[in-house]
Amino acid sequence: MDYVSALLPPVVMAVFFIGVIRVIVKTQGGANKAKEDAAVDAALARAESAPGPAAAPPKAEA
């Protein structure tokens, strides 16, 4: 019966993991999908249009 106690935790974790993935996949989209997509597109546009950090001059070695 040692094999049952050794295999039970991974099997239980796998079942719950599959359940979590199914819930995540099923809840994608829906009524707020367009609003969420627009928010992500706006954030990406802001990130692309924002100026990057200025290049620092190289440090002189003493």
PDB file of N, CA and C in Angstrom:
ATOM      1  N   MET A   1       0.819  -1.207   0.000  1.00  0.00           N
ATOM      2  CA  MET A   1       0.000   0.000   0.000  1.00  0.00           C
ATOM      3  C   MET A   1       0.854   1.259   0.000  1.00  0.00           C
ATOM      4  N   ASP A   2       2.191   1.104   0.043  1.00  0.00           N
ATOM      5  CA  ASP A   2       3.048   2.282  -0.009  1.00  0.00           C
ATOM      6  C   ASP A   2       2.910   3.009  -1.346  1.00  0.00           C
ATOM      7  N   TYR A   3       2.651   2.258  -2.406  1.00  0.00           N
ATOM      8  CA  TYR A   3       2.534   2.894  -3.711  1.00  0.00           C
ATOM      9  C   TYR A   3       1.314   3.809  -3.774  1.00  0.00           C
ATOM     10  N   VAL A   4       0.250   3.471  -3.051  1.00  0.00           N
ATOM     11  CA  VAL A   4      -0.946   4.327  -3.038  1.00  0.00           C
ATOM     12  C   VAL A   4      -0.624   5.641  -2.349  1.00  0.00           C
ATOM     13  N   SER A   5       0.041   5.584  -1.210  1.00  0.00           N
ATOM     14  CA  SER A   5       0.378   6.819  -0.500  1.00  0.00           C
ATOM     15  C   SER A   5       1.422   7.626  -1.266  1.00  0.00           C
ATOM     16  N   ALA A   6       2.226   6.981  -2.101  1.00  0.00           N
ATOM     17  CA  ALA A   6       3.213   7.694  -2.895  1.00  0.00           C
ATOM     18  C   ALA A   6       2.585   8.345  -4.121  1.00  0.00           C
ATOM     19  N   LEU A   7       1.563   7.731  -4.692  1.00  0.00           N
ATOM     20  CA  LEU A   7       0.956   8.250  -5.919  1.00  0.00           C
ATOM     21  C   LEU A   7      -0.233   9.170  -5.681  1.00  0.00           C
ATOM     22  N   LEU A   8      -0.831   9.089  -4.520  1.00  0.00           N
ATOM     23  CA  LEU A   8      -2.035   9.885  -4.274  1.00  0.00           C
ATOM     24  C   LEU A   8      -1.782  11.400  -4.337  1.00  0.00           C
ATOM     25  N   PRO A   9      -0.783  11.957  -3.667  1.00  0.00           N
ATOM     26  CA  PRO A   9      -0.588  13.416  -3.742  1.00  0.00           C
ATOM     27  C   PRO A   9      -0.367  13.941  -5.163  1.00  0.00           C
ATOM     28  N   PRO A  10       0.477  13.321  -5.997  1.00  0.00           N
ATOM     29  CA  PRO A  10       0.622  13.845  -7.358  1.00  0.00           C
ATOM     30  C   PRO A  10      -0.662  13.752  -8.173  1.00  0.00           C
ATOM     31  N   VAL A  11      -1.419  12.695  -7.971  1.00  0.00           N
ATOM     32  CA  VAL A  11      -2.677  12.551  -8.716  1.00  0.00           C
ATOM     33  C   VAL A  11      -3.667  13.626  -8.290  1.00  0.00           C
ATOM     34  N   VAL A  12      -3.763  13.875  -6.996  1.00  0.00           N
ATOM     35  CA  VAL A  12      -4.675  14.920  -6.505  1.00  0.00           C
ATOM     36  C   VAL A  12      -4.244  16.282  -7.028  1.00  0.00           C
ATOM     37  N   MET A  13      -2.939  16.571  -6.988  1.00  0.00           N
ATOM     38  CA  MET A  13      -2.451  17.851  -7.502  1.00  0.00           C
ATOM     39  C   MET A  13      -2.718  17.990  -8.988  1.00  0.00           C
ATOM     40  N   ALA A  14      -2.548  16.910  -9.743  1.00  0.00           N
ATOM     41  CA  ALA A  14      -2.803  16.952 -11.178  1.00  0.00           C
ATOM     42  C   ALA A  14      -4.273  17.231 -11.467  1.00  0.00           C
ATOM     43  N   VAL A  15      -5.155  16.598 -10.714  1.00  0.00           N
ATOM     44  CA  VAL A  15      -6.596  16.830 -10.912  1.00  0.00           C
ATOM     45  C   VAL A  15      -6.951  18.283 -10.626  1.00  0.00           C
ATOM     46  N   PHE A  16      -6.446  18.829  -9.526  1.00  0.00           N
ATOM     47  CA  PHE A  16      -6.738  20.227  -9.211  1.00  0.00           C
ATOM     48  C   PHE A  16      -6.108  21.169 -10.225  1.00  0.00           C
ATOM     49  N   PHE A  17      -4.908  20.858 -10.702  1.00  0.00           N
ATOM     50  CA  PHE A  17      -4.255  21.689 -11.700  1.00  0.00           C
ATOM     51  C   PHE A  17      -5.062  21.724 -12.984  1.00  0.00           C
ATOM     52  N   ILE A  18      -5.540  20.571 -13.420  1.00  0.00           N
ATOM     53  CA  ILE A  18      -6.374  20.512 -14.623  1.00  0.00           C
ATOM     54  C   ILE A  18      -7.649  21.322 -14.416  1.00  0.00           C
ATOM     55  N   GLY A  19      -8.224  21.232 -13.224  1.00  0.00           N
ATOM     56  CA  GLY A  19      -9.422  22.022 -12.931  1.00  0.00           C
ATOM     57  C   GLY A  19      -9.163  23.507 -12.983  1.00  0.00           C
ATOM     58  N   VAL A  20      -8.035  23.951 -12.440  1.00  0.00           N
ATOM     59  CA  VAL A  20      -7.690  25.379 -12.466  1.00  0.00           C
ATOM     60  C   VAL A  20      -7.494  25.850 -13.896  1.00  0.00           C
ATOM     61  N   ILE A  21      -6.795  25.066 -14.697  1.00  0.00           N
ATOM     62  CA  ILE A  21      -6.572  25.442 -16.098  1.00  0.00           C
ATOM     63  C   ILE A  21      -7.896  25.522 -16.848  1.00  0.00           C
ATOM     64  N   ARG A  22      -8.792  24.588 -16.584  1.00  0.00           N
ATOM     65  CA  ARG A  22     -10.100  24.632 -17.257  1.00  0.00           C
ATOM     66  C   ARG A  22     -10.877  25.875 -16.876  1.00  0.00           C
ATOM     67  N   VAL A  23     -10.842  26.255 -15.606  1.00  0.00           N
ATOM     68  CA  VAL A  23     -11.546  27.462 -15.174  1.00  0.00           C
ATOM     69  C   VAL A  23     -10.940  28.694 -15.834  1.00  0.00           C
ATOM     70  N   ILE A  24      -9.611  28.747 -15.902  1.00  0.00           N
ATOM     71  CA  ILE A  24      -8.958  29.902 -16.530  1.00  0.00           C
ATOM     72  C   ILE A  24      -9.350  29.997 -18.000  1.00  0.00           C
ATOM     73  N   VAL A  25      -9.330  28.873 -18.706  1.00  0.00           N
ATOM     74  CA  VAL A  25      -9.663  28.896 -20.128  1.00  0.00           C
ATOM     75  C   VAL A  25     -11.125  29.271 -20.332  1.00  0.00           C
ATOM     76  N   LYS A  26     -12.018  28.746 -19.509  1.00  0.00           N
ATOM     77  CA  LYS A  26     -13.444  29.042 -19.678  1.00  0.00           C
ATOM     78  C   LYS A  26     -13.785  30.483 -19.355  1.00  0.00           C
ATOM     79  N   THR A  27     -13.035  31.130 -18.463  1.00  0.00           N
ATOM     80  CA  THR A  27     -13.375  32.496 -18.080  1.00  0.00           C
ATOM     81  C   THR A  27     -12.717  33.538 -18.976  1.00  0.00           C
ATOM     82  N   GLN A  28     -11.947  33.119 -19.963  1.00  0.00           N
ATOM     83  CA  GLN A  28     -11.372  34.083 -20.899  1.00  0.00           C
ATOM     84  C   GLN A  28     -12.473  34.567 -21.826  1.00  0.00           C
ATOM     85  N   GLY A  29     -12.420  35.840 -22.146  1.00  0.00           N
ATOM     86  CA  GLY A  29     -13.443  36.388 -23.031  1.00  0.00           C
ATOM     87  C   GLY A  29     -14.616  36.888 -22.216  1.00  0.00           C
ATOM     88  N   GLY A  30     -15.792  36.753 -22.757  1.00  0.00           N
ATOM     89  CA  GLY A  30     -16.979  37.193 -22.043  1.00  0.00           C
ATOM     90  C   GLY A  30     -17.313  38.645 -22.353  1.00  0.00           C
ATOM     91  N   ALA A  31     -18.137  39.225 -21.502  1.00  0.00           N
ATOM     92  CA  ALA A  31     -18.667  40.568 -21.737  1.00  0.00           C
ATOM     93  C   ALA A  31     -17.595  41.636 -21.671  1.00  0.00           C
ATOM     94  N   ASN A  32     -16.581  41.466 -20.846  1.00  0.00           N
ATOM     95  CA  ASN A  32     -15.570  42.512 -20.669  1.00  0.00           C
ATOM     96  C   ASN A  32     -14.351  42.329 -21.568  1.00  0.00           C
ATOM     97  N   LYS A  33     -14.406  41.377 -22.488  1.00  0.00           N
ATOM     98  CA  LYS A  33     -13.234  41.100 -23.318  1.00  0.00           C
ATOM     99  C   LYS A  33     -12.807  42.321 -24.119  1.00  0.00           C
ATOM    100  N   ALA A  34     -13.727  43.011 -24.738  1.00  0.00           N
ATOM    101  CA  ALA A  34     -13.374  44.181 -25.558  1.00  0.00           C
ATOM    102  C   ALA A  34     -12.770  45.282 -24.686  1.00  0.00           C
ATOM    103  N   LYS A  35     -13.326  45.487 -23.496  1.00  0.00           N
ATOM    104  CA  LYS A  35     -12.809  46.521 -22.598  1.00  0.00           C
ATOM    105  C   LYS A  35     -11.403  46.168 -22.116  1.00  0.00           C
ATOM    106  N   GLU A  36     -11.196  44.897 -21.783  1.00  0.00           N
ATOM    107  CA  GLU A  36      -9.872  44.471 -21.326  1.00  0.00           C
ATOM    108  C   GLU A  36      -8.849  44.576 -22.459  1.00  0.00           C
ATOM    109  N   ASP A  37      -9.253  44.176 -23.671  1.00  0.00           N
ATOM    110  CA  ASP A  37      -8.343  44.275 -24.805  1.00  0.00           C
ATOM    111  C   ASP A  37      -7.982  45.732 -25.087  1.00  0.00           C
ATOM    112  N   ALA A  38      -8.950  46.626 -24.980  1.00  0.00           N
ATOM    113  CA  ALA A  38      -8.675  48.043 -25.209  1.00  0.00           C
ATOM    114  C   ALA A  38      -7.722  48.593 -24.155  1.00  0.00           C
ATOM    115  N   ALA A  39      -7.881  48.165 -22.908  1.00  0.00           N
ATOM    116  CA  ALA A  39      -6.987  48.628 -21.845  1.00  0.00           C
ATOM    117  C   ALA A  39      -5.564  48.137 -22.085  1.00  0.00           C
ATOM    118  N   VAL A  40      -5.412  46.903 -22.512  1.00  0.00           N
ATOM    119  CA  VAL A  40      -4.075  46.368 -22.793  1.00  0.00           C
ATOM    120  C   VAL A  40      -3.465  47.081 -23.986  1.00  0.00           C
ATOM    121  N   ASP A  41      -4.247  47.314 -25.031  1.00  0.00           N
ATOM    122  CA  ASP A  41      -3.731  48.025 -26.201  1.00  0.00           C
ATOM    123  C   ASP A  41      -3.290  49.440 -25.838  1.00  0.00           C
ATOM    124  N   ALA A  42      -4.059  50.105 -24.980  1.00  0.00           N
ATOM    125  CA  ALA A  42      -3.685  51.457 -24.555  1.00  0.00           C
ATOM    126  C   ALA A  42      -2.398  51.441 -23.738  1.00  0.00           C
ATOM    127  N   ALA A  43      -2.259  50.466 -22.858  1.00  0.00           N
ATOM    128  CA  ALA A  43      -1.040  50.372 -22.051  1.00  0.00           C
ATOM    129  C   ALA A  43       0.172  50.086 -22.932  1.00  0.00           C
ATOM    130  N   LEU A  44       0.014  49.217 -23.912  1.00  0.00           N
ATOM    131  CA  LEU A  44       1.125  48.928 -24.822  1.00  0.00           C
ATOM    132  C   LEU A  44       1.490  50.145 -25.651  1.00  0.00           C
ATOM    133  N   ALA A  45       0.486  50.898 -26.097  1.00  0.00           N
ATOM    134  CA  ALA A  45       0.756  52.102 -26.878  1.00  0.00           C
ATOM    135  C   ALA A  45       1.498  53.133 -26.032  1.00  0.00           C
ATOM    136  N   ARG A  46       1.100  53.277 -24.762  1.00  0.00           N
ATOM    137  CA  ARG A  46       1.807  54.215 -23.874  1.00  0.00           C
ATOM    138  C   ARG A  46       3.245  53.771 -23.667  1.00  0.00           C
ATOM    139  N   ALA A  47       3.452  52.481 -23.489  1.00  0.00           N
ATOM    140  CA  ALA A  47       4.806  51.970 -23.248  1.00  0.00           C
ATOM    141  C   ALA A  47       5.687  52.153 -24.485  1.00  0.00           C
ATOM    142  N   GLU A  48       5.117  51.987 -25.665  1.00  0.00           N
ATOM    143  CA  GLU A  48       5.899  52.138 -26.885  1.00  0.00           C
ATOM    144  C   GLU A  48       6.201  53.598 -27.195  1.00  0.00           C
ATOM    145  N   SER A  49       5.293  54.499 -26.849  1.00  0.00           N
ATOM    146  CA  SER A  49       5.493  55.910 -27.176  1.00  0.00           C
ATOM    147  C   SER A  49       6.306  56.646 -26.118  1.00  0.00           C
ATOM    148  N   ALA A  50       6.439  56.083 -24.933  1.00  0.00           N
ATOM    149  CA  ALA A  50       7.198  56.745 -23.873  1.00  0.00           C
ATOM    150  C   ALA A  50       8.685  56.693 -24.220  1.00  0.00           C
ATOM    151  N   PRO A  51       9.383  57.812 -23.987  1.00  0.00           N
ATOM    152  CA  PRO A  51      10.822  57.797 -24.273  1.00  0.00           C
ATOM    153  C   PRO A  51      11.544  56.886 -23.296  1.00  0.00           C
ATOM    154  N   GLY A  52      12.507  56.183 -23.814  1.00  0.00           N
ATOM    155  CA  GLY A  52      13.283  55.274 -22.980  1.00  0.00           C
ATOM    156  C   GLY A  52      14.251  56.060 -22.112  1.00  0.00           C
ATOM    157  N   PRO A  53      14.927  55.397 -21.203  1.00  0.00           N
ATOM    158  CA  PRO A  53      15.894  56.093 -20.357  1.00  0.00           C
ATOM    159  C   PRO A  53      17.044  56.613 -21.209  1.00  0.00           C
ATOM    160  N   ALA A  54      17.504  57.811 -20.877  1.00  0.00           N
ATOM    161  CA  ALA A  54      18.592  58.420 -21.631  1.00  0.00           C
ATOM    162  C   ALA A  54      19.857  57.593 -21.450  1.00  0.00           C
ATOM    163  N   ALA A  55      20.597  57.514 -22.514  1.00  0.00           N
ATOM    164  CA  ALA A  55      21.844  56.741 -22.448  1.00  0.00           C
ATOM    165  C   ALA A  55      22.857  57.505 -21.600  1.00  0.00           C
ATOM    166  N   ALA A  56      23.389  56.861 -20.617  1.00  0.00           N
ATOM    167  CA  ALA A  56      24.372  57.493 -19.741  1.00  0.00           C
ATOM    168  C   ALA A  56      25.727  57.485 -20.431  1.00  0.00           C
ATOM    169  N   PRO A  57      26.483  58.554 -20.270  1.00  0.00           N
ATOM    170  CA  PRO A  57      27.815  58.567 -20.875  1.00  0.00           C
ATOM    171  C   PRO A  57      28.697  57.517 -20.205  1.00  0.00           C
ATOM    172  N   PRO A  58      29.632  56.946 -20.947  1.00  0.00           N
ATOM    173  CA  PRO A  58      30.487  55.927 -20.341  1.00  0.00           C
ATOM    174  C   PRO A  58      31.352  56.532 -19.262  1.00  0.00           C
ATOM    175  N   LYS A  59      31.563  55.745 -18.209  1.00  0.00           N
ATOM    176  CA  LYS A  59      32.367  56.230 -17.085  1.00  0.00           C
ATOM    177  C   LYS A  59      33.843  56.113 -17.442  1.00  0.00           C
ATOM    178  N   ALA A  60      34.581  57.136 -17.092  1.00  0.00           N
ATOM    179  CA  ALA A  60      36.032  57.117 -17.313  1.00  0.00           C
ATOM    180  C   ALA A  60      36.707  56.332 -16.211  1.00  0.00           C
ATOM    181  N   GLU A  61      37.613  55.476 -16.609  1.00  0.00           N
ATOM    182  CA  GLU A  61      38.341  54.692 -15.604  1.00  0.00           C
ATOM    183  C   GLU A  61      39.551  55.482 -15.133  1.00  0.00           C
ATOM    184  N   ALA A  62      39.813  55.449 -13.841  1.00  0.00           N
ATOM    185  CA  ALA A  62      40.922  56.222 -13.298  1.00  0.00           C
ATOM    186  C   ALA A  62      42.195  55.432 -13.296  1.00  0.00           C
TER     187      ALA A  62
END
